[in-house]
PDB file of N, CA and C in Angstrom:
ATOM      1  N   MET A   1      24.237 -30.020  12.377  1.00  0.00           N
ATOM      2  CA  MET A   1      24.229 -31.398  12.766  1.00  0.00           C
ATOM      3  C   MET A   1      23.147 -32.121  11.984  1.00  0.00           C
ATOM      4  N   ALA A   2      23.502 -33.219  11.396  1.00  0.00           N
ATOM      5  CA  ALA A   2      22.571 -33.998  10.588  1.00  0.00           C
ATOM      6  C   ALA A   2      21.726 -34.902  11.471  1.00  0.00           C
ATOM      7  N   GLY A   3      20.524 -35.208  10.999  1.00  0.00           N
ATOM      8  CA  GLY A   3      19.657 -36.139  11.721  1.00  0.00           C
ATOM      9  C   GLY A   3      20.199 -37.556  11.648  1.00  0.00           C
ATOM     10  N   VAL A   4      19.825 -38.336  12.576  1.00  0.00           N
ATOM     11  CA  VAL A   4      20.253 -39.722  12.619  1.00  0.00           C
ATOM     12  C   VAL A   4      19.064 -40.605  12.245  1.00  0.00           C
ATOM     13  N   SER A   5      19.282 -41.488  11.295  1.00  0.00           N
ATOM     14  CA  SER A   5      18.197 -42.388  10.925  1.00  0.00           C
ATOM     15  C   SER A   5      18.375 -43.728  11.623  1.00  0.00           C
ATOM     16  N   HIS A   6      17.286 -44.382  11.834  1.00  0.00           N
ATOM     17  CA  HIS A   6      17.358 -45.738  12.360  1.00  0.00           C
ATOM     18  C   HIS A   6      16.326 -46.589  11.628  1.00  0.00           C
ATOM     19  N   PRO A   7      16.632 -47.852  11.423  1.00  0.00           N
ATOM     20  CA  PRO A   7      15.734 -48.703  10.652  1.00  0.00           C
ATOM     21  C   PRO A   7      14.485 -49.094  11.444  1.00  0.00           C
ATOM     22  N   HIS A   8      13.412 -49.299  10.731  1.00  0.00           N
ATOM     23  CA  HIS A   8      12.176 -49.800  11.323  1.00  0.00           C
ATOM     24  C   HIS A   8      12.017 -51.241  10.859  1.00  0.00           C
ATOM     25  N   ALA A   9      11.878 -52.145  11.779  1.00  0.00           N
ATOM     26  CA  ALA A   9      11.823 -53.576  11.445  1.00  0.00           C
ATOM     27  C   ALA A   9      10.592 -53.902  10.603  1.00  0.00           C
ATOM     28  N   THR A  10      10.819 -54.557   9.490  1.00  0.00           N
ATOM     29  CA  THR A  10       9.746 -55.051   8.633  1.00  0.00           C
ATOM     30  C   THR A  10      10.127 -56.436   8.143  1.00  0.00           C
ATOM     31  N   GLY A  11       9.142 -57.161   7.663  1.00  0.00           N
ATOM     32  CA  GLY A  11       9.409 -58.444   7.044  1.00  0.00           C
ATOM     33  C   GLY A  11       9.731 -59.590   7.972  1.00  0.00           C
ATOM     34  N   THR A  12       9.438 -59.473   9.254  1.00  0.00           N
ATOM     35  CA  THR A  12       9.752 -60.562  10.177  1.00  0.00           C
ATOM     36  C   THR A  12       8.647 -61.613  10.241  1.00  0.00           C
ATOM     37  N   ALA A  13       7.468 -61.288   9.743  1.00  0.00           N
ATOM     38  CA  ALA A  13       6.348 -62.241   9.689  1.00  0.00           C
ATOM     39  C   ALA A  13       5.793 -62.213   8.268  1.00  0.00           C
ATOM     40  N   ALA A  14       6.325 -63.053   7.414  1.00  0.00           N
ATOM     41  CA  ALA A  14       6.012 -63.013   5.987  1.00  0.00           C
ATOM     42  C   ALA A  14       4.525 -63.242   5.711  1.00  0.00           C
ATOM     43  N   LEU A  15       3.956 -62.339   4.918  1.00  0.00           N
ATOM     44  CA  LEU A  15       2.573 -62.462   4.499  1.00  0.00           C
ATOM     45  C   LEU A  15       2.455 -63.683   3.601  1.00  0.00           C
ATOM     46  N   GLY A  16       1.553 -64.584   3.938  1.00  0.00           N
ATOM     47  CA  GLY A  16       1.377 -65.812   3.183  1.00  0.00           C
ATOM     48  C   GLY A  16       2.068 -67.004   3.818  1.00  0.00           C
ATOM     49  N   LYS A  17       3.100 -66.754   4.607  1.00  0.00           N
ATOM     50  CA  LYS A  17       3.803 -67.848   5.285  1.00  0.00           C
ATOM     51  C   LYS A  17       3.491 -67.872   6.778  1.00  0.00           C
ATOM     52  N   VAL A  18       3.433 -66.702   7.390  1.00  0.00           N
ATOM     53  CA  VAL A  18       3.144 -66.597   8.825  1.00  0.00           C
ATOM     54  C   VAL A  18       1.718 -66.101   9.056  1.00  0.00           C
ATOM     55  N   VAL A  19       1.280 -65.168   8.224  1.00  0.00           N
ATOM     56  CA  VAL A  19      -0.078 -64.617   8.341  1.00  0.00           C
ATOM     57  C   VAL A  19      -0.799 -64.731   7.004  1.00  0.00           C
ATOM     58  N   ASP A  20      -2.136 -64.793   7.070  1.00  0.00           N
ATOM     59  CA  ASP A  20      -2.917 -64.820   5.846  1.00  0.00           C
ATOM     60  C   ASP A  20      -3.271 -63.400   5.419  1.00  0.00           C
ATOM     61  N   THR A  21      -4.066 -63.262   4.372  1.00  0.00           N
ATOM     62  CA  THR A  21      -4.383 -61.932   3.849  1.00  0.00           C
ATOM     63  C   THR A  21      -5.301 -61.130   4.758  1.00  0.00           C
ATOM     64  N   ARG A  22      -5.871 -61.764   5.770  1.00  0.00           N
ATOM     65  CA  ARG A  22      -6.700 -61.062   6.753  1.00  0.00           C
ATOM     66  C   ARG A  22      -5.936 -60.868   8.056  1.00  0.00           C
ATOM     67  N   LEU A  23      -4.602 -60.985   7.975  1.00  0.00           N
ATOM     68  CA  LEU A  23      -3.669 -60.709   9.064  1.00  0.00           C
ATOM     69  C   LEU A  23      -3.765 -61.690  10.234  1.00  0.00           C
ATOM     70  N   ARG A  24      -4.380 -62.849  10.012  1.00  0.00           N
ATOM     71  CA  ARG A  24      -4.472 -63.876  11.057  1.00  0.00           C
ATOM     72  C   ARG A  24      -3.217 -64.736  11.025  1.00  0.00           C
ATOM     73  N   VAL A  25      -2.665 -64.994  12.194  1.00  0.00           N
ATOM     74  CA  VAL A  25      -1.466 -65.819  12.301  1.00  0.00           C
ATOM     75  C   VAL A  25      -1.882 -67.283  12.156  1.00  0.00           C
ATOM     76  N   TYR A  26      -1.189 -67.988  11.263  1.00  0.00           N
ATOM     77  CA  TYR A  26      -1.489 -69.400  11.056  1.00  0.00           C
ATOM     78  C   TYR A  26      -1.207 -70.196  12.322  1.00  0.00           C
ATOM     79  N   GLY A  27      -2.135 -71.072  12.680  1.00  0.00           N
ATOM     80  CA  GLY A  27      -1.931 -71.983  13.793  1.00  0.00           C
ATOM     81  C   GLY A  27      -2.273 -71.440  15.165  1.00  0.00           C
ATOM     82  N   ILE A  28      -2.613 -70.138  15.269  1.00  0.00           N
ATOM     83  CA  ILE A  28      -2.966 -69.553  16.563  1.00  0.00           C
ATOM     84  C   ILE A  28      -4.302 -68.838  16.411  1.00  0.00           C
ATOM     85  N   ALA A  29      -5.340 -69.442  16.925  1.00  0.00           N
ATOM     86  CA  ALA A  29      -6.686 -68.874  16.798  1.00  0.00           C
ATOM     87  C   ALA A  29      -6.792 -67.562  17.565  1.00  0.00           C
ATOM     88  N   GLY A  30      -7.398 -66.574  16.934  1.00  0.00           N
ATOM     89  CA  GLY A  30      -7.660 -65.302  17.596  1.00  0.00           C
ATOM     90  C   GLY A  30      -6.508 -64.314  17.599  1.00  0.00           C
ATOM     91  N   LEU A  31      -5.387 -64.637  16.959  1.00  0.00           N
ATOM     92  CA  LEU A  31      -4.242 -63.724  16.949  1.00  0.00           C
ATOM     93  C   LEU A  31      -4.064 -63.127  15.557  1.00  0.00           C
ATOM     94  N   ARG A  32      -3.948 -61.815  15.505  1.00  0.00           N
ATOM     95  CA  ARG A  32      -3.688 -61.102  14.253  1.00  0.00           C
ATOM     96  C   ARG A  32      -2.455 -60.228  14.427  1.00  0.00           C
ATOM     97  N   ILE A  33      -1.844 -59.914  13.305  1.00  0.00           N
ATOM     98  CA  ILE A  33      -0.702 -59.009  13.301  1.00  0.00           C
ATOM     99  C   ILE A  33      -1.137 -57.711  12.639  1.00  0.00           C
ATOM    100  N   ALA A  34      -0.958 -56.613  13.310  1.00  0.00           N
ATOM    101  CA  ALA A  34      -1.334 -55.310  12.757  1.00  0.00           C
ATOM    102  C   ALA A  34      -0.183 -54.330  12.956  1.00  0.00           C
ATOM    103  N   ASP A  35       1.004 -54.728  12.536  1.00  0.00           N
ATOM    104  CA  ASP A  35       2.166 -53.848  12.617  1.00  0.00           C
ATOM    105  C   ASP A  35       3.003 -54.021  11.348  1.00  0.00           C
ATOM    106  N   ALA A  36       4.191 -53.484  11.347  1.00  0.00           N
ATOM    107  CA  ALA A  36       5.034 -53.506  10.155  1.00  0.00           C
ATOM    108  C   ALA A  36       5.705 -54.850   9.908  1.00  0.00           C
ATOM    109  N   SER A  37       5.528 -55.799  10.787  1.00  0.00           N
ATOM    110  CA  SER A  37       6.258 -57.062  10.644  1.00  0.00           C
ATOM    111  C   SER A  37       5.859 -57.866   9.416  1.00  0.00           C
ATOM    112  N   PHE A  38       4.666 -57.668   8.884  1.00  0.00           N
ATOM    113  CA  PHE A  38       4.276 -58.433   7.705  1.00  0.00           C
ATOM    114  C   PHE A  38       4.539 -57.703   6.394  1.00  0.00           C
ATOM    115  N   LEU A  39       5.031 -56.481   6.460  1.00  0.00           N
ATOM    116  CA  LEU A  39       5.379 -55.752   5.239  1.00  0.00           C
ATOM    117  C   LEU A  39       6.627 -56.380   4.615  1.00  0.00           C
ATOM    118  N   PRO A  40       6.624 -56.624   3.306  1.00  0.00           N
ATOM    119  CA  PRO A  40       7.752 -57.329   2.693  1.00  0.00           C
ATOM    120  C   PRO A  40       9.039 -56.505   2.593  1.00  0.00           C
ATOM    121  N   VAL A  41       8.908 -55.189   2.484  1.00  0.00           N
ATOM    122  CA  VAL A  41      10.093 -54.325   2.353  1.00  0.00           C
ATOM    123  C   VAL A  41       9.945 -53.126   3.285  1.00  0.00           C
ATOM    124  N   ALA A  42      11.061 -52.503   3.596  1.00  0.00           N
ATOM    125  CA  ALA A  42      11.041 -51.305   4.437  1.00  0.00           C
ATOM    126  C   ALA A  42      10.384 -50.152   3.685  1.00  0.00           C
ATOM    127  N   ILE A  43       9.703 -49.308   4.421  1.00  0.00           N
ATOM    128  CA  ILE A  43       9.046 -48.138   3.843  1.00  0.00           C
ATOM    129  C   ILE A  43      10.087 -47.048   3.654  1.00  0.00           C
ATOM    130  N   GLY A  44       9.969 -46.282   2.583  1.00  0.00           N
ATOM    131  CA  GLY A  44      10.966 -45.280   2.249  1.00  0.00           C
ATOM    132  C   GLY A  44      11.031 -44.089   3.180  1.00  0.00           C
ATOM    133  N   GLY A  45      10.105 -43.923   4.052  1.00  0.00           N
ATOM    134  CA  GLY A  45      10.103 -42.814   4.999  1.00  0.00           C
ATOM    135  C   GLY A  45       9.663 -43.301   6.354  1.00  0.00           C
ATOM    136  N   HIS A  46       9.170 -42.385   7.155  1.00  0.00           N
ATOM    137  CA  HIS A  46       8.681 -42.780   8.469  1.00  0.00           C
ATOM    138  C   HIS A  46       7.402 -43.595   8.284  1.00  0.00           C
ATOM    139  N   PRO A  47       7.272 -44.720   8.967  1.00  0.00           N
ATOM    140  CA  PRO A  47       6.145 -45.624   8.710  1.00  0.00           C
ATOM    141  C   PRO A  47       4.832 -45.258   9.408  1.00  0.00           C
ATOM    142  N   GLN A  48       4.787 -44.167  10.139  1.00  0.00           N
ATOM    143  CA  GLN A  48       3.622 -43.867  10.970  1.00  0.00           C
ATOM    144  C   GLN A  48       2.322 -43.808  10.165  1.00  0.00           C
ATOM    145  N   ALA A  49       2.279 -43.047   9.100  1.00  0.00           N
ATOM    146  CA  ALA A  49       1.042 -42.900   8.324  1.00  0.00           C
ATOM    147  C   ALA A  49       0.629 -44.231   7.698  1.00  0.00           C
ATOM    148  N   THR A  50       1.603 -44.965   7.171  1.00  0.00           N
ATOM    149  CA  THR A  50       1.307 -46.263   6.576  1.00  0.00           C
ATOM    150  C   THR A  50       0.728 -47.217   7.616  1.00  0.00           C
ATOM    151  N   LEU A  51       1.314 -47.233   8.793  1.00  0.00           N
ATOM    152  CA  LEU A  51       0.838 -48.139   9.839  1.00  0.00           C
ATOM    153  C   LEU A  51      -0.523 -47.725  10.387  1.00  0.00           C
ATOM    154  N   TYR A  52      -0.816 -46.423  10.384  1.00  0.00           N
ATOM    155  CA  TYR A  52      -2.165 -45.994  10.766  1.00  0.00           C
ATOM    156  C   TYR A  52      -3.185 -46.554   9.775  1.00  0.00           C
ATOM    157  N   GLY A  53      -2.853 -46.486   8.494  1.00  0.00           N
ATOM    158  CA  GLY A  53      -3.741 -47.046   7.468  1.00  0.00           C
ATOM    159  C   GLY A  53      -3.910 -48.550   7.627  1.00  0.00           C
ATOM    160  N   LEU A  54      -2.815 -49.241   7.921  1.00  0.00           N
ATOM    161  CA  LEU A  54      -2.890 -50.682   8.149  1.00  0.00           C
ATOM    162  C   LEU A  54      -3.739 -51.002   9.374  1.00  0.00           C
ATOM    163  N   ALA A  55      -3.619 -50.199  10.414  1.00  0.00           N
ATOM    164  CA  ALA A  55      -4.418 -50.410  11.624  1.00  0.00           C
ATOM    165  C   ALA A  55      -5.904 -50.227  11.327  1.00  0.00           C
ATOM    166  N   GLU A  56      -6.240 -49.237  10.504  1.00  0.00           N
ATOM    167  CA  GLU A  56      -7.634 -49.037  10.100  1.00  0.00           C
ATOM    168  C   GLU A  56      -8.154 -50.246   9.340  1.00  0.00           C
ATOM    169  N   GLN A  57      -7.338 -50.766   8.417  1.00  0.00           N
ATOM    170  CA  GLN A  57      -7.739 -51.951   7.657  1.00  0.00           C
ATOM    171  C   GLN A  57      -7.887 -53.166   8.565  1.00  0.00           C
ATOM    172  N   ALA A  58      -6.974 -53.325   9.506  1.00  0.00           N
ATOM    173  CA  ALA A  58      -7.052 -54.447  10.444  1.00  0.00           C
ATOM    174  C   ALA A  58      -8.327 -54.342  11.283  1.00  0.00           C
ATOM    175  N   ALA A  59      -8.646 -53.143  11.747  1.00  0.00           N
ATOM    176  CA  ALA A  59      -9.867 -52.946  12.531  1.00  0.00           C
ATOM    177  C   ALA A  59     -11.095 -53.294  11.692  1.00  0.00           C
ATOM    178  N   ALA A  60     -11.099 -52.886  10.426  1.00  0.00           N
ATOM    179  CA  ALA A  60     -12.223 -53.215   9.542  1.00  0.00           C
ATOM    180  C   ALA A  60     -12.344 -54.724   9.341  1.00  0.00           C
ATOM    181  N   MET A  61     -11.215 -55.419   9.182  1.00  0.00           N
ATOM    182  CA  MET A  61     -11.247 -56.872   9.024  1.00  0.00           C
ATOM    183  C   MET A  61     -11.780 -57.556  10.278  1.00  0.00           C
ATOM    184  N   ILE A  62     -11.335 -57.089  11.434  1.00  0.00           N
ATOM    185  CA  ILE A  62     -11.804 -57.661  12.697  1.00  0.00           C
ATOM    186  C   ILE A  62     -13.308 -57.458  12.821  1.00  0.00           C
ATOM    187  N   LEU A  63     -13.765 -56.257  12.487  1.00  0.00           N
ATOM    188  CA  LEU A  63     -15.201 -55.987  12.568  1.00  0.00           C
ATOM    189  C   LEU A  63     -16.000 -56.824  11.585  1.00  0.00           C
ATOM    190  N   GLN A  64     -15.470 -57.023  10.382  1.00  0.00           N
ATOM    191  CA  GLN A  64     -16.166 -57.873   9.415  1.00  0.00           C
ATOM    192  C   GLN A  64     -16.303 -59.283   9.957  1.00  0.00           C
ATOM    193  N   ASP A  65     -15.244 -59.804  10.548  1.00  0.00           N
ATOM    194  CA  ASP A  65     -15.310 -61.143  11.125  1.00  0.00           C
ATOM    195  C   ASP A  65     -16.258 -61.178  12.319  1.00  0.00           C
ATOM    196  N   MET A  66     -16.259 -60.127  13.118  1.00  0.00           N
ATOM    197  CA  MET A  66     -17.170 -60.072  14.254  1.00  0.00           C
ATOM    198  C   MET A  66     -18.605 -59.948  13.781  1.00  0.00           C
ATOM    199  N   TRP A  67     -18.809 -59.210  12.710  1.00  0.00           N
ATOM    200  CA  TRP A  67     -20.162 -59.046  12.161  1.00  0.00           C
ATOM    201  C   TRP A  67     -20.721 -60.407  11.777  1.00  0.00           C
ATOM    202  N   ILE A  68     -19.895 -61.219  11.167  1.00  0.00           N
ATOM    203  CA  ILE A  68     -20.328 -62.558  10.782  1.00  0.00           C
ATOM    204  C   ILE A  68     -20.654 -63.366  12.031  1.00  0.00           C
ATOM    205  N   ASN A  69     -19.829 -63.231  13.063  1.00  0.00           N
ATOM    206  CA  ASN A  69     -20.026 -64.007  14.287  1.00  0.00           C
ATOM    207  C   ASN A  69     -21.124 -63.428  15.178  1.00  0.00           C
ATOM    208  N   LEU A  70     -21.165 -62.112  15.306  1.00  0.00           N
ATOM    209  CA  LEU A  70     -22.132 -61.497  16.209  1.00  0.00           C
ATOM    210  C   LEU A  70     -23.506 -61.341  15.570  1.00  0.00           C
ATOM    211  N   GLY A  71     -23.511 -60.940  14.309  1.00  0.00           N
ATOM    212  CA  GLY A  71     -24.781 -60.748  13.617  1.00  0.00           C
ATOM    213  C   GLY A  71     -25.568 -59.556  14.115  1.00  0.00           C
ATOM    214  N   SER A  72     -24.940 -58.653  14.822  1.00  0.00           N
ATOM    215  CA  SER A  72     -25.640 -57.517  15.390  1.00  0.00           C
ATOM    216  C   SER A  72     -24.926 -56.229  15.028  1.00  0.00           C
ATOM    217  N   LEU A  73     -25.619 -55.330  14.386  1.00  0.00           N
ATOM    218  CA  LEU A  73     -25.035 -54.045  14.021  1.00  0.00           C
ATOM    219  C   LEU A  73     -24.652 -53.249  15.265  1.00  0.00           C
ATOM    220  N   TYR A  74     -25.476 -53.317  16.297  1.00  0.00           N
ATOM    221  CA  TYR A  74     -25.176 -52.601  17.533  1.00  0.00           C
ATOM    222  C   TYR A  74     -23.863 -53.077  18.135  1.00  0.00           C
ATOM    223  N   GLU A  75     -23.680 -54.385  18.234  1.00  0.00           N
ATOM    224  CA  GLU A  75     -22.454 -54.938  18.805  1.00  0.00           C
ATOM    225  C   GLU A  75     -21.244 -54.585  17.954  1.00  0.00           C
ATOM    226  N   ALA A  76     -21.372 -54.658  16.636  1.00  0.00           N
ATOM    227  CA  ALA A  76     -20.260 -54.330  15.743  1.00  0.00           C
ATOM    228  C   ALA A  76     -19.854 -52.865  15.909  1.00  0.00           C
ATOM    229  N   ARG A  77     -20.816 -51.973  15.994  1.00  0.00           N
ATOM    230  CA  ARG A  77     -20.505 -50.552  16.179  1.00  0.00           C
ATOM    231  C   ARG A  77     -19.842 -50.306  17.528  1.00  0.00           C
ATOM    232  N   ARG A  78     -20.321 -50.989  18.559  1.00  0.00           N
ATOM    233  CA  ARG A  78     -19.736 -50.825  19.879  1.00  0.00           C
ATOM    234  C   ARG A  78     -18.278 -51.274  19.884  1.00  0.00           C
ATOM    235  N   TRP A  79     -17.994 -52.417  19.270  1.00  0.00           N
ATOM    236  CA  TRP A  79     -16.625 -52.905  19.189  1.00  0.00           C
ATOM    237  C   TRP A  79     -15.770 -52.007  18.320  1.00  0.00           C
ATOM    238  N   TYR A  80     -16.339 -51.452  17.251  1.00  0.00           N
ATOM    239  CA  TYR A  80     -15.584 -50.540  16.394  1.00  0.00           C
ATOM    240  C   TYR A  80     -15.141 -49.316  17.186  1.00  0.00           C
ATOM    241  N   ARG A  81     -16.040 -48.761  17.986  1.00  0.00           N
ATOM    242  CA  ARG A  81     -15.675 -47.597  18.808  1.00  0.00           C
ATOM    243  C   ARG A  81     -14.567 -47.955  19.795  1.00  0.00           C
ATOM    244  N   LEU A  82     -14.658 -49.122  20.415  1.00  0.00           N
ATOM    245  CA  LEU A  82     -13.624 -49.546  21.341  1.00  0.00           C
ATOM    246  C   LEU A  82     -12.276 -49.718  20.637  1.00  0.00           C
ATOM    247  N   LEU A  83     -12.296 -50.329  19.459  1.00  0.00           N
ATOM    248  CA  LEU A  83     -11.046 -50.515  18.705  1.00  0.00           C
ATOM    249  C   LEU A  83     -10.443 -49.185  18.273  1.00  0.00           C
ATOM    250  N   ARG A  84     -11.285 -48.248  17.879  1.00  0.00           N
ATOM    251  CA  ARG A  84     -10.783 -46.926  17.468  1.00  0.00           C
ATOM    252  C   ARG A  84     -10.122 -46.214  18.639  1.00  0.00           C
ATOM    253  N   GLU A  85     -10.663 -46.374  19.830  1.00  0.00           N
ATOM    254  CA  GLU A  85     -10.054 -45.748  20.999  1.00  0.00           C
ATOM    255  C   GLU A  85      -8.679 -46.343  21.285  1.00  0.00           C
ATOM    256  N   VAL A  86      -8.533 -47.611  21.050  1.00  0.00           N
ATOM    257  CA  VAL A  86      -7.269 -48.276  21.347  1.00  0.00           C
ATOM    258  C   VAL A  86      -6.216 -47.982  20.284  1.00  0.00           C
ATOM    259  N   CYS A  87      -6.592 -48.085  19.018  1.00  0.00           N
ATOM    260  CA  CYS A  87      -5.575 -47.988  17.960  1.00  0.00           C
ATOM    261  C   CYS A  87      -5.295 -46.560  17.527  1.00  0.00           C
ATOM    262  N   CYS A  88      -6.213 -45.649  17.721  1.00  0.00           N
ATOM    263  CA  CYS A  88      -5.992 -44.303  17.183  1.00  0.00           C
ATOM    264  C   CYS A  88      -6.056 -43.331  18.296  1.00  0.00           C
TER     265      CYS A  88
END
């Protein structure tokens, strides 16, 4: 019996039109996209590893923005640990 494939949705939130390069949604403050919806084309295999990498990058971007806003290394590290628990 052969395996059954199913598509993974991508490209529903165009990068540059719906979100910027830091994954922030235009027009909605505080909202970011960290899933496959902003990828322009479908991934050739299972997207899990790619999306884990994207989640890491999104977490780093959020922390960079928080670092600018918080100005505290302690707070940035604390938030990084919390984000890692949630996303990974």
